C-alpha atoms as a PDB file:
ATOM      1  CA  MET A   1      -0.343  -0.160  -0.001  1.00  0.00           C
ATOM      2  CA  SER A   2       1.259   3.206  -0.602  1.00  0.00           C
ATOM      3  CA  ASP A   3       1.141   6.860   1.483  1.00  0.00           C
ATOM      4  CA  GLU A   4       1.277   8.713  -1.649  1.00  0.00           C
ATOM      5  CA  PRO A   5      -1.641  11.362  -2.091  1.00  0.00           C
ATOM      6  CA  GLY A   6      -5.064   9.775  -4.389  1.00  0.00           C
ATOM      7  CA  ARG A   7      -2.793   5.578  -3.962  1.00  0.00           C
ATOM      8  CA  GLY A   8      -3.797   2.990  -1.741  1.00  0.00           C
ATOM      9  CA  LYS A   9      -7.495   1.946  -0.186  1.00  0.00           C
ATOM     10  CA  GLY A  10      -8.951   4.622   1.795  1.00  0.00           C
ATOM     11  CA  SER A  11      -8.136   7.398  -0.319  1.00  0.00           C
ATOM     12  CA  ALA A  12     -10.928   9.163  -1.093  1.00  0.00           C
ATOM     13  CA  GLY A  13     -11.146  10.844   1.725  1.00  0.00           C
ATOM     14  CA  ALA A  14      -8.883  13.818   1.679  1.00  0.00           C
ATOM     15  CA  ASP A  15      -6.326  13.081  -1.385  1.00  0.00           C
ATOM     16  CA  THR A  16      -9.561  13.653  -3.701  1.00  0.00           C
ATOM     17  CA  ASP A  17      -8.771  17.089  -5.071  1.00  0.00           C
ATOM     18  CA  VAL A  18      -5.633  15.719  -5.738  1.00  0.00           C
ATOM     19  CA  ALA A  19      -7.346  13.052  -8.293  1.00  0.00           C
ATOM     20  CA  ASP A  20      -9.812  15.812  -9.157  1.00  0.00           C
ATOM     21  CA  ASP A  21      -6.793  17.821  -9.854  1.00  0.00           C
ATOM     22  CA  VAL A  22      -5.127  15.247 -12.163  1.00  0.00           C
ATOM     23  CA  LEU A  23      -8.403  14.337 -14.224  1.00  0.00           C
ATOM     24  CA  ASP A  24      -9.324  17.896 -14.786  1.00  0.00           C
ATOM     25  CA  GLU A  25      -5.506  18.308 -16.104  1.00  0.00           C
ATOM     26  CA  LEU A  26      -6.106  15.563 -18.057  1.00  0.00           C
ATOM     27  CA  CYS A  27      -9.128  16.732 -19.803  1.00  0.00           C
ATOM     28  CA  ALA A  28      -8.161  19.917 -20.272  1.00  0.00           C
ATOM     29  CA  THR A  29      -5.109  18.185 -22.429  1.00  0.00           C
ATOM     30  CA  ILE A  30      -7.285  16.132 -24.352  1.00  0.00           C
ATOM     31  CA  GLU A  31      -9.348  19.475 -25.183  1.00  0.00           C
ATOM     32  CA  GLN A  32      -6.361  21.143 -25.779  1.00  0.00           C
ATOM     33  CA  ARG A  33      -5.292  18.565 -28.569  1.00  0.00           C
ATOM     34  CA  LYS A  34      -8.786  17.824 -29.798  1.00  0.00           C
ATOM     35  CA  ARG A  35      -8.738  21.664 -30.955  1.00  0.00           C
ATOM     36  CA  ASN A  36      -5.451  22.239 -31.744  1.00  0.00           C
ATOM     37  CA  LEU A  37      -4.191  18.571 -32.886  1.00  0.00           C
ATOM     38  CA  PRO A  38      -0.464  19.112 -32.540  1.00  0.00           C
ATOM     39  CA  GLU A  39       1.645  17.051 -34.635  1.00  0.00           C
ATOM     40  CA  GLY A  40       2.906  14.205 -33.269  1.00  0.00           C
ATOM     41  CA  SER A  41       0.781  14.042 -30.460  1.00  0.00           C
ATOM     42  CA  TYR A  42      -0.618  11.086 -29.722  1.00  0.00           C
ATOM     43  CA  THR A  43      -3.883  12.274 -28.273  1.00  0.00           C
ATOM     44  CA  ALA A  44      -4.515  14.647 -31.606  1.00  0.00           C
ATOM     45  CA  SER A  45      -4.070  11.780 -33.779  1.00  0.00           C
ATOM     46  CA  LEU A  46      -7.273   9.992 -31.891  1.00  0.00           C
ATOM     47  CA  PHE A  47      -9.282  12.665 -33.264  1.00  0.00           C
ATOM     48  CA  THR A  48      -7.874  12.657 -36.753  1.00  0.00           C
ATOM     49  CA  HIS A  49      -7.311   9.089 -36.814  1.00  0.00           C
ATOM     50  CA  GLU A  50      -9.274   7.357 -40.536  1.00  0.00           C
ATOM     51  CA  LYS A  51     -11.393   4.989 -38.493  1.00  0.00           C
ATOM     52  CA  GLY A  52     -12.572   7.943 -36.916  1.00  0.00           C
ATOM     53  CA  GLU A  53     -14.633   6.912 -33.485  1.00  0.00           C
ATOM     54  CA  ASN A  54     -13.971   3.338 -33.868  1.00  0.00           C
ATOM     55  CA  ALA A  55     -10.082   3.784 -33.407  1.00  0.00           C
ATOM     56  CA  VAL A  56     -11.061   5.095 -29.718  1.00  0.00           C
ATOM     57  CA  LEU A  57     -13.821   2.704 -29.054  1.00  0.00           C
ATOM     58  CA  GLU A  58     -11.038  -0.407 -29.928  1.00  0.00           C
ATOM     59  CA  LYS A  59      -8.788   1.323 -27.599  1.00  0.00           C
ATOM     60  CA  LEU A  60     -11.313   1.310 -24.933  1.00  0.00           C
ATOM     61  CA  GLY A  61     -12.088  -2.389 -25.521  1.00  0.00           C
ATOM     62  CA  GLU A  62      -8.207  -3.348 -25.644  1.00  0.00           C
ATOM     63  CA  GLU A  63      -7.407  -1.777 -22.526  1.00  0.00           C
ATOM     64  CA  THR A  64     -10.401  -2.756 -20.839  1.00  0.00           C
ATOM     65  CA  THR A  65      -9.127  -6.863 -21.249  1.00  0.00           C
ATOM     66  CA  GLU A  66      -5.535  -5.523 -20.150  1.00  0.00           C
ATOM     67  CA  THR A  67      -7.469  -4.399 -17.290  1.00  0.00           C
ATOM     68  CA  ILE A  68      -9.630  -7.787 -16.851  1.00  0.00           C
ATOM     69  CA  LEU A  69      -6.448  -9.728 -16.954  1.00  0.00           C
ATOM     70  CA  ALA A  70      -4.216  -7.655 -14.617  1.00  0.00           C
ATOM     71  CA  ALA A  71      -7.020  -8.560 -11.781  1.00  0.00           C
ATOM     72  CA  LYS A  72      -7.257 -11.685 -12.828  1.00  0.00           C
ATOM     73  CA  ASP A  73      -3.947 -11.814 -12.514  1.00  0.00           C
ATOM     74  CA  ASP A  74      -3.521 -10.221  -8.555  1.00  0.00           C
ATOM     75  CA  ASP A  75      -0.769  -8.004 -10.559  1.00  0.00           C
ATOM     76  CA  GLU A  76      -1.584  -4.550  -8.385  1.00  0.00           C
ATOM     77  CA  ALA A  77       0.987  -2.570 -10.660  1.00  0.00           C
ATOM     78  CA  GLU A  78      -0.525  -3.453 -13.819  1.00  0.00           C
ATOM     79  CA  LEU A  79      -4.527  -3.187 -13.004  1.00  0.00           C
ATOM     80  CA  LEU A  80      -3.527   0.422 -12.022  1.00  0.00           C
ATOM     81  CA  TYR A  81      -1.571   1.127 -15.277  1.00  0.00           C
ATOM     82  CA  GLU A  82      -4.025  -0.486 -17.686  1.00  0.00           C
ATOM     83  CA  SER A  83      -6.584   1.068 -15.638  1.00  0.00           C
ATOM     84  CA  ALA A  84      -5.177   4.706 -16.397  1.00  0.00           C
ATOM     85  CA  ASP A  85      -4.724   3.660 -20.028  1.00  0.00           C
ATOM     86  CA  LEU A  86      -8.714   2.349 -19.982  1.00  0.00           C
ATOM     87  CA  VAL A  87      -9.765   6.103 -18.206  1.00  0.00           C
ATOM     88  CA  TYR A  88      -7.283   8.135 -20.875  1.00  0.00           C
ATOM     89  CA  HIS A  89      -9.438   6.575 -23.499  1.00  0.00           C
ATOM     90  CA  LEU A  90     -12.403   6.698 -22.061  1.00  0.00           C
ATOM     91  CA  LEU A  91     -12.140  10.578 -21.396  1.00  0.00           C
ATOM     92  CA  VAL A  92     -11.009  10.799 -24.864  1.00  0.00           C
ATOM     93  CA  LEU A  93     -14.248   8.928 -25.961  1.00  0.00           C
ATOM     94  CA  LEU A  94     -16.869  11.723 -23.523  1.00  0.00           C
ATOM     95  CA  GLU A  95     -14.588  14.282 -25.088  1.00  0.00           C
ATOM     96  CA  MET A  96     -15.262  13.058 -28.849  1.00  0.00           C
ATOM     97  CA  LYS A  97     -18.817  13.153 -27.702  1.00  0.00           C
ATOM     98  CA  ASP A  98     -18.610  16.796 -26.332  1.00  0.00           C
ATOM     99  CA  LEU A  99     -19.072  15.209 -23.349  1.00  0.00           C
ATOM    100  CA  ASP A 100     -16.595  15.531 -19.968  1.00  0.00           C
ATOM    101  CA  VAL A 101     -15.208  14.851 -16.283  1.00  0.00           C
ATOM    102  CA  ASP A 102     -17.583  17.138 -15.085  1.00  0.00           C
ATOM    103  CA  ASP A 103     -20.579  14.972 -16.927  1.00  0.00           C
ATOM    104  CA  LEU A 104     -19.243  11.951 -15.464  1.00  0.00           C
ATOM    105  CA  ARG A 105     -19.091  13.440 -11.800  1.00  0.00           C
ATOM    106  CA  GLU A 106     -22.418  14.504 -12.136  1.00  0.00           C
ATOM    107  CA  GLU A 107     -23.784  11.211 -13.513  1.00  0.00           C
ATOM    108  CA  LEU A 108     -22.115   9.206 -10.563  1.00  0.00           C
ATOM    109  CA  ALA A 109     -23.592  12.260  -8.346  1.00  0.00           C
ATOM    110  CA  SER A 110     -26.876  11.625  -9.200  1.00  0.00           C
ATOM    111  CA  ARG A 111     -25.995   7.691  -8.224  1.00  0.00           C
ATOM    112  CA  PHE A 112     -26.199   9.078  -4.570  1.00  0.00           C
ATOM    113  CA  GLY A 113     -28.285  11.161  -4.842  1.00  0.00           C
END
């Protein structure tokens, strides 16, 4: 177990702001890459891929499978790594659909109201 901010079991309390900041920064970067399409950017390439949205959907499927396998293998480091890839590609998909992490937060909050 790590005692780094936002890591480990029970980290949903005081370190939530750190996690929110990271997600907000990631979403802002994804939005900026969509808007500016910088050359050499992997994120920008997802928005301009010849397969369109299907490229991101395929990556989501791949990352989901890798996340499941890491969990099945009880490989905590790999589980976190693949989960981060999964979340990243999900955020790219949301941006493609003109949604963002705030929309996701609202949906999650509505389930606990």
